[in-house]
């Protein structure tokens, strides 16, 4: 039985580097954390939080994201990502509150949902979709 704890919190910090910053503005000083990268790190923070609470052979996949990118985080700054488990439905769907903070302000917030999967069963199902 999984031991998912509502109210559990986790965080991670990421440095905004060239590989996760936008580059389409054409100015080096205009490079900031890309929205898809902010979302990716929010999801990763949630996964890292819940994974130790799952039985062996299980993991999670993202199923819903609802976030706002509130402010920019320039290259070279540290961004702290926070996640909190806010609910569980059907013992499979785990809801999270997520937020991201730059060195001076909140840069993102919202909610995320991940579904608990049996990794072997999921892989077999995906193989069936291939052909």
N, C-alpha and C. Protein backbone atom coordinates (compact mmCIF):
# COMPACT_ATOMS: atom_id res chain seq x y z
N UNK A 1 0.84 -1.18 0.00
CA UNK A 1 0.00 0.00 0.00
C UNK A 1 0.89 1.25 0.00
N UNK A 2 0.57 2.18 -0.88
CA UNK A 2 1.32 3.43 -0.92
C UNK A 2 1.06 4.22 0.35
N UNK A 3 2.03 5.03 0.74
CA UNK A 3 1.90 5.87 1.94
C UNK A 3 2.05 7.34 1.57
N UNK A 4 1.11 7.82 0.78
CA UNK A 4 1.13 9.20 0.32
C UNK A 4 0.56 10.09 1.42
N UNK A 5 1.32 11.10 1.80
CA UNK A 5 0.97 11.94 2.94
C UNK A 5 0.51 13.32 2.45
N UNK A 6 -0.77 13.60 2.67
CA UNK A 6 -1.29 14.92 2.34
C UNK A 6 -0.61 15.93 3.26
N UNK A 7 -0.16 17.03 2.69
CA UNK A 7 0.54 18.06 3.45
C UNK A 7 2.06 17.94 3.34
N UNK A 8 2.55 16.81 2.81
CA UNK A 8 4.00 16.66 2.65
C UNK A 8 4.52 17.71 1.66
N UNK A 9 5.72 18.21 1.92
CA UNK A 9 6.31 19.26 1.08
C UNK A 9 7.70 18.87 0.61
N UNK A 10 8.04 19.36 -0.55
CA UNK A 10 9.37 19.15 -1.10
C UNK A 10 9.81 20.36 -1.87
N UNK A 11 11.11 20.46 -2.08
CA UNK A 11 11.63 21.57 -2.87
C UNK A 11 12.93 21.19 -3.54
N UNK A 12 13.28 21.95 -4.55
CA UNK A 12 14.55 21.81 -5.25
C UNK A 12 14.92 23.17 -5.78
N UNK A 13 16.21 23.41 -5.97
CA UNK A 13 16.69 24.68 -6.49
C UNK A 13 17.45 24.42 -7.78
N UNK A 14 17.20 25.27 -8.76
CA UNK A 14 17.81 25.13 -10.08
C UNK A 14 18.40 26.48 -10.48
N UNK A 15 19.58 26.46 -11.05
CA UNK A 15 20.21 27.67 -11.57
C UNK A 15 19.75 27.87 -13.01
N UNK A 16 19.32 29.08 -13.34
CA UNK A 16 18.90 29.38 -14.71
C UNK A 16 20.16 29.50 -15.57
N UNK A 17 20.30 28.54 -16.47
CA UNK A 17 21.45 28.48 -17.37
C UNK A 17 20.96 28.57 -18.82
N UNK A 18 21.90 28.63 -19.71
CA UNK A 18 21.60 28.78 -21.13
C UNK A 18 20.66 27.69 -21.66
N UNK A 19 20.80 26.48 -21.16
CA UNK A 19 20.00 25.38 -21.70
C UNK A 19 18.55 25.40 -21.24
N UNK A 20 18.17 26.21 -20.26
CA UNK A 20 16.77 26.28 -19.83
C UNK A 20 16.20 27.69 -19.97
N UNK A 21 16.94 28.56 -20.65
CA UNK A 21 16.50 29.94 -20.84
C UNK A 21 16.03 30.15 -22.28
N UNK A 22 15.11 31.09 -22.46
CA UNK A 22 14.67 31.44 -23.81
C UNK A 22 15.82 32.10 -24.55
N UNK A 23 15.77 32.03 -25.88
CA UNK A 23 16.80 32.70 -26.66
C UNK A 23 16.22 33.41 -27.88
N UNK A 24 14.91 33.46 -28.00
CA UNK A 24 14.28 34.00 -29.19
C UNK A 24 14.20 35.53 -29.22
N UNK A 25 14.51 36.20 -28.13
CA UNK A 25 14.47 37.66 -28.14
C UNK A 25 15.69 38.28 -28.82
N UNK A 26 16.75 37.50 -28.95
CA UNK A 26 17.93 37.96 -29.65
C UNK A 26 18.91 38.77 -28.82
N UNK A 27 18.59 39.00 -27.56
CA UNK A 27 19.48 39.76 -26.68
C UNK A 27 19.89 38.89 -25.51
N UNK A 28 21.17 38.83 -25.24
CA UNK A 28 21.67 38.01 -24.13
C UNK A 28 21.06 38.46 -22.80
N UNK A 29 20.88 39.75 -22.61
CA UNK A 29 20.31 40.27 -21.36
C UNK A 29 18.82 39.96 -21.23
N UNK A 30 18.19 39.54 -22.31
CA UNK A 30 16.77 39.20 -22.29
C UNK A 30 16.50 37.73 -22.08
N UNK A 31 17.53 36.96 -21.79
CA UNK A 31 17.35 35.51 -21.60
C UNK A 31 16.91 35.23 -20.17
N UNK A 32 15.77 34.55 -20.05
CA UNK A 32 15.17 34.23 -18.76
C UNK A 32 14.68 32.78 -18.78
N UNK A 33 14.33 32.27 -17.62
CA UNK A 33 13.80 30.91 -17.52
C UNK A 33 12.60 30.75 -18.43
N UNK A 34 12.64 29.74 -19.29
CA UNK A 34 11.54 29.47 -20.22
C UNK A 34 10.36 28.86 -19.47
N UNK A 35 9.17 29.21 -19.87
CA UNK A 35 7.96 28.68 -19.22
C UNK A 35 7.92 27.16 -19.25
N UNK A 36 8.18 26.49 -20.39
CA UNK A 36 8.15 25.02 -20.36
C UNK A 36 9.16 24.42 -19.37
N UNK A 37 10.30 25.09 -19.19
CA UNK A 37 11.29 24.61 -18.23
C UNK A 37 10.83 24.82 -16.79
N UNK A 38 10.14 25.93 -16.54
CA UNK A 38 9.57 26.14 -15.21
C UNK A 38 8.58 25.03 -14.89
N UNK A 39 7.73 24.71 -15.86
CA UNK A 39 6.75 23.65 -15.66
C UNK A 39 7.45 22.30 -15.45
N UNK A 40 8.47 22.03 -16.24
CA UNK A 40 9.21 20.76 -16.11
C UNK A 40 9.79 20.61 -14.70
N UNK A 41 10.36 21.68 -14.17
CA UNK A 41 10.95 21.60 -12.84
C UNK A 41 9.88 21.52 -11.75
N UNK A 42 8.74 22.14 -11.98
CA UNK A 42 7.62 21.97 -11.04
C UNK A 42 7.19 20.51 -11.00
N UNK A 43 7.03 19.91 -12.18
CA UNK A 43 6.64 18.50 -12.25
C UNK A 43 7.69 17.60 -11.59
N UNK A 44 8.96 17.86 -11.87
CA UNK A 44 10.03 17.05 -11.30
C UNK A 44 10.05 17.14 -9.77
N UNK A 45 9.79 18.33 -9.25
CA UNK A 45 9.74 18.52 -7.80
C UNK A 45 8.62 17.68 -7.20
N UNK A 46 7.47 17.66 -7.86
CA UNK A 46 6.35 16.84 -7.39
C UNK A 46 6.69 15.36 -7.44
N UNK A 47 7.28 14.91 -8.54
CA UNK A 47 7.65 13.50 -8.67
C UNK A 47 8.63 13.09 -7.57
N UNK A 48 9.66 13.91 -7.35
CA UNK A 48 10.66 13.61 -6.33
C UNK A 48 10.04 13.56 -4.94
N UNK A 49 9.02 14.37 -4.70
CA UNK A 49 8.34 14.38 -3.40
C UNK A 49 7.57 13.09 -3.17
N UNK A 50 6.82 12.65 -4.14
CA UNK A 50 5.92 11.51 -3.94
C UNK A 50 6.60 10.15 -4.14
N UNK A 51 7.64 10.08 -4.93
CA UNK A 51 8.27 8.79 -5.27
C UNK A 51 8.66 7.96 -4.05
N UNK A 52 9.28 8.52 -3.02
CA UNK A 52 9.63 7.68 -1.86
C UNK A 52 8.41 7.15 -1.09
N UNK A 53 7.24 7.68 -1.37
CA UNK A 53 6.02 7.24 -0.68
C UNK A 53 5.33 6.09 -1.39
N UNK A 54 5.86 5.69 -2.55
CA UNK A 54 5.23 4.64 -3.35
C UNK A 54 5.90 3.29 -3.14
N UNK A 55 5.14 2.24 -3.37
CA UNK A 55 5.68 0.89 -3.32
C UNK A 55 6.69 0.71 -4.45
N UNK A 56 7.59 -0.24 -4.26
CA UNK A 56 8.57 -0.57 -5.29
C UNK A 56 7.85 -0.96 -6.58
N UNK A 57 8.39 -0.51 -7.71
CA UNK A 57 7.79 -0.82 -9.01
C UNK A 57 6.77 0.19 -9.47
N UNK A 58 6.54 1.22 -8.67
CA UNK A 58 5.56 2.25 -9.02
C UNK A 58 6.27 3.59 -9.21
N UNK A 59 5.65 4.44 -9.99
CA UNK A 59 6.15 5.79 -10.24
C UNK A 59 4.92 6.64 -10.54
N UNK A 60 5.15 7.85 -11.01
CA UNK A 60 4.04 8.71 -11.39
C UNK A 60 4.31 9.34 -12.74
N UNK A 61 3.22 9.71 -13.42
CA UNK A 61 3.31 10.47 -14.66
C UNK A 61 2.40 11.69 -14.51
N UNK A 62 2.83 12.79 -15.12
CA UNK A 62 2.03 14.00 -15.06
C UNK A 62 0.78 13.87 -15.92
N UNK A 63 -0.36 14.34 -15.39
CA UNK A 63 -1.61 14.25 -16.11
C UNK A 63 -2.34 15.59 -16.24
N UNK A 64 -1.96 16.57 -15.44
CA UNK A 64 -2.62 17.88 -15.53
C UNK A 64 -1.70 18.95 -14.96
N UNK A 65 -1.62 20.07 -15.66
CA UNK A 65 -0.82 21.21 -15.20
C UNK A 65 -1.67 22.47 -15.37
N UNK A 66 -1.72 23.27 -14.32
CA UNK A 66 -2.43 24.55 -14.38
C UNK A 66 -1.58 25.57 -13.62
N UNK A 67 -0.70 26.26 -14.35
CA UNK A 67 0.22 27.19 -13.70
C UNK A 67 0.25 28.54 -14.41
N UNK A 68 0.68 29.53 -13.67
CA UNK A 68 0.88 30.88 -14.17
C UNK A 68 2.36 31.21 -14.05
N UNK A 69 2.90 31.79 -15.11
CA UNK A 69 4.27 32.28 -15.07
C UNK A 69 4.16 33.76 -14.75
N UNK A 70 4.47 34.13 -13.51
CA UNK A 70 4.18 35.46 -12.97
C UNK A 70 5.27 36.50 -13.20
N UNK A 71 6.51 36.06 -13.24
CA UNK A 71 7.63 37.00 -13.35
C UNK A 71 8.82 36.27 -13.97
N UNK A 72 9.76 37.04 -14.47
CA UNK A 72 10.94 36.48 -15.12
C UNK A 72 12.05 36.20 -14.12
N UNK A 73 12.84 35.17 -14.43
CA UNK A 73 14.04 34.85 -13.66
C UNK A 73 15.21 34.85 -14.63
N UNK A 74 16.09 35.86 -14.55
CA UNK A 74 17.19 35.98 -15.51
C UNK A 74 18.23 34.87 -15.36
N UNK A 75 18.98 34.68 -16.44
CA UNK A 75 20.06 33.70 -16.39
C UNK A 75 21.00 34.03 -15.25
N UNK A 76 21.51 32.98 -14.62
CA UNK A 76 22.43 33.14 -13.51
C UNK A 76 21.77 33.21 -12.15
N UNK A 77 20.44 33.27 -12.12
CA UNK A 77 19.76 33.32 -10.83
C UNK A 77 19.31 31.93 -10.41
N UNK A 78 19.17 31.75 -9.11
CA UNK A 78 18.68 30.49 -8.57
C UNK A 78 17.16 30.57 -8.44
N UNK A 79 16.48 29.51 -8.84
CA UNK A 79 15.03 29.42 -8.71
C UNK A 79 14.71 28.24 -7.80
N UNK A 80 13.92 28.51 -6.76
CA UNK A 80 13.50 27.46 -5.82
C UNK A 80 12.09 27.02 -6.20
N UNK A 81 11.95 25.72 -6.40
CA UNK A 81 10.65 25.13 -6.74
C UNK A 81 10.12 24.42 -5.51
N UNK A 82 8.85 24.66 -5.21
CA UNK A 82 8.20 24.05 -4.05
C UNK A 82 6.99 23.25 -4.51
N UNK A 83 6.74 22.13 -3.83
CA UNK A 83 5.57 21.31 -4.10
C UNK A 83 4.98 20.87 -2.76
N UNK A 84 3.66 20.79 -2.73
CA UNK A 84 2.95 20.28 -1.55
C UNK A 84 1.83 19.37 -2.02
N UNK A 85 1.73 18.20 -1.41
CA UNK A 85 0.64 17.29 -1.74
C UNK A 85 -0.63 17.82 -1.08
N UNK A 86 -1.66 18.06 -1.90
CA UNK A 86 -2.90 18.63 -1.38
C UNK A 86 -4.07 17.66 -1.41
N UNK A 87 -3.95 16.55 -2.12
CA UNK A 87 -5.05 15.61 -2.16
C UNK A 87 -4.71 14.35 -2.93
N UNK A 88 -5.56 13.35 -2.73
CA UNK A 88 -5.42 12.07 -3.43
C UNK A 88 -6.83 11.62 -3.81
N UNK A 89 -7.00 11.21 -5.07
CA UNK A 89 -8.28 10.69 -5.54
C UNK A 89 -8.08 9.27 -6.05
N UNK A 90 -8.99 8.38 -5.70
CA UNK A 90 -8.97 7.01 -6.20
C UNK A 90 -7.64 6.30 -5.96
N UNK A 91 -6.90 6.72 -4.95
CA UNK A 91 -5.59 6.15 -4.59
C UNK A 91 -4.58 6.19 -5.74
N UNK A 92 -4.88 6.93 -6.80
CA UNK A 92 -3.98 6.99 -7.95
C UNK A 92 -3.64 8.41 -8.36
N UNK A 93 -4.56 9.32 -8.20
CA UNK A 93 -4.35 10.69 -8.67
C UNK A 93 -3.93 11.56 -7.50
N UNK A 94 -2.73 12.08 -7.61
CA UNK A 94 -2.16 12.88 -6.53
C UNK A 94 -2.13 14.34 -6.98
N UNK A 95 -2.74 15.22 -6.17
CA UNK A 95 -2.78 16.64 -6.49
C UNK A 95 -1.71 17.38 -5.68
N UNK A 96 -1.15 18.39 -6.33
CA UNK A 96 -0.08 19.19 -5.73
C UNK A 96 -0.37 20.67 -5.91
N UNK A 97 0.10 21.47 -4.96
CA UNK A 97 0.23 22.91 -5.13
C UNK A 97 1.70 23.13 -5.45
N UNK A 98 1.97 23.95 -6.47
CA UNK A 98 3.35 24.20 -6.88
C UNK A 98 3.62 25.70 -6.91
N UNK A 99 4.88 26.04 -6.69
CA UNK A 99 5.30 27.44 -6.76
C UNK A 99 6.78 27.49 -7.12
N UNK A 100 7.16 28.62 -7.71
CA UNK A 100 8.56 28.85 -8.05
C UNK A 100 8.93 30.25 -7.60
N UNK A 101 10.11 30.37 -6.99
CA UNK A 101 10.57 31.64 -6.45
C UNK A 101 11.94 31.98 -7.00
N UNK A 102 12.06 33.17 -7.57
CA UNK A 102 13.36 33.70 -7.97
C UNK A 102 14.04 34.26 -6.75
N UNK A 103 15.14 34.93 -6.96
CA UNK A 103 15.87 35.48 -5.83
C UNK A 103 15.17 36.68 -5.20
N UNK A 104 14.22 37.30 -5.93
CA UNK A 104 13.54 38.49 -5.42
C UNK A 104 12.03 38.36 -5.34
N UNK A 105 11.42 37.43 -6.09
CA UNK A 105 9.96 37.37 -6.11
C UNK A 105 9.46 36.00 -6.54
N UNK A 106 8.16 35.81 -6.36
CA UNK A 106 7.52 34.58 -6.82
C UNK A 106 7.41 34.67 -8.33
N UNK A 107 7.87 33.63 -9.03
CA UNK A 107 7.83 33.68 -10.49
C UNK A 107 6.77 32.77 -11.09
N UNK A 108 6.23 31.84 -10.29
CA UNK A 108 5.21 30.95 -10.81
C UNK A 108 4.44 30.28 -9.70
N UNK A 109 3.19 29.90 -10.03
CA UNK A 109 2.37 29.18 -9.06
C UNK A 109 1.25 28.46 -9.78
N UNK A 110 0.69 27.47 -9.12
CA UNK A 110 -0.44 26.76 -9.70
C UNK A 110 -0.64 25.41 -9.07
N UNK A 111 -1.24 24.51 -9.85
CA UNK A 111 -1.52 23.15 -9.39
C UNK A 111 -1.02 22.15 -10.42
N UNK A 112 -0.83 20.95 -9.96
CA UNK A 112 -0.35 19.86 -10.82
C UNK A 112 -0.96 18.56 -10.31
N UNK A 113 -1.22 17.65 -11.23
CA UNK A 113 -1.71 16.32 -10.85
C UNK A 113 -0.83 15.26 -11.50
N UNK A 114 -0.54 14.22 -10.74
CA UNK A 114 0.23 13.09 -11.23
C UNK A 114 -0.55 11.82 -10.93
N UNK A 115 -0.47 10.86 -11.81
CA UNK A 115 -1.15 9.58 -11.62
C UNK A 115 -0.12 8.51 -11.30
N UNK A 116 -0.40 7.74 -10.26
CA UNK A 116 0.48 6.64 -9.85
C UNK A 116 0.30 5.50 -10.86
N UNK A 117 1.41 4.96 -11.34
CA UNK A 117 1.37 3.85 -12.30
C UNK A 117 2.27 2.71 -11.84
N UNK A 118 1.92 1.52 -12.25
CA UNK A 118 2.79 0.37 -12.13
C UNK A 118 3.69 0.44 -13.37
N UNK A 119 4.98 0.60 -13.18
CA UNK A 119 5.90 0.86 -14.29
C UNK A 119 5.88 -0.27 -15.32
N UNK A 120 5.94 -1.53 -14.90
CA UNK A 120 5.97 -2.65 -15.84
C UNK A 120 4.67 -2.72 -16.65
N UNK A 121 3.55 -2.54 -15.98
CA UNK A 121 2.25 -2.57 -16.67
C UNK A 121 2.14 -1.41 -17.66
N UNK A 122 2.62 -0.25 -17.26
CA UNK A 122 2.59 0.92 -18.13
C UNK A 122 3.44 0.69 -19.37
N UNK A 123 4.66 0.16 -19.18
CA UNK A 123 5.55 -0.10 -20.31
C UNK A 123 4.93 -1.10 -21.28
N UNK A 124 4.30 -2.15 -20.74
CA UNK A 124 3.65 -3.15 -21.60
C UNK A 124 2.50 -2.52 -22.40
N UNK A 125 1.76 -1.65 -21.76
CA UNK A 125 0.65 -0.95 -22.44
C UNK A 125 1.19 -0.08 -23.57
N UNK A 126 2.33 0.59 -23.33
CA UNK A 126 2.90 1.46 -24.35
C UNK A 126 3.45 0.64 -25.53
N UNK A 127 3.99 -0.54 -25.24
CA UNK A 127 4.47 -1.42 -26.32
C UNK A 127 3.30 -1.83 -27.21
N UNK A 128 2.13 -2.07 -26.62
CA UNK A 128 0.96 -2.42 -27.37
C UNK A 128 0.49 -1.30 -28.28
N UNK A 129 0.77 -0.08 -27.93
CA UNK A 129 0.38 1.06 -28.77
C UNK A 129 1.29 1.24 -29.96
N UNK A 130 2.49 0.65 -29.91
CA UNK A 130 3.45 0.82 -30.99
C UNK A 130 3.09 0.04 -32.23
N UNK A 131 2.38 -1.03 -32.09
CA UNK A 131 2.16 -1.81 -33.30
C UNK A 131 1.11 -2.79 -33.14
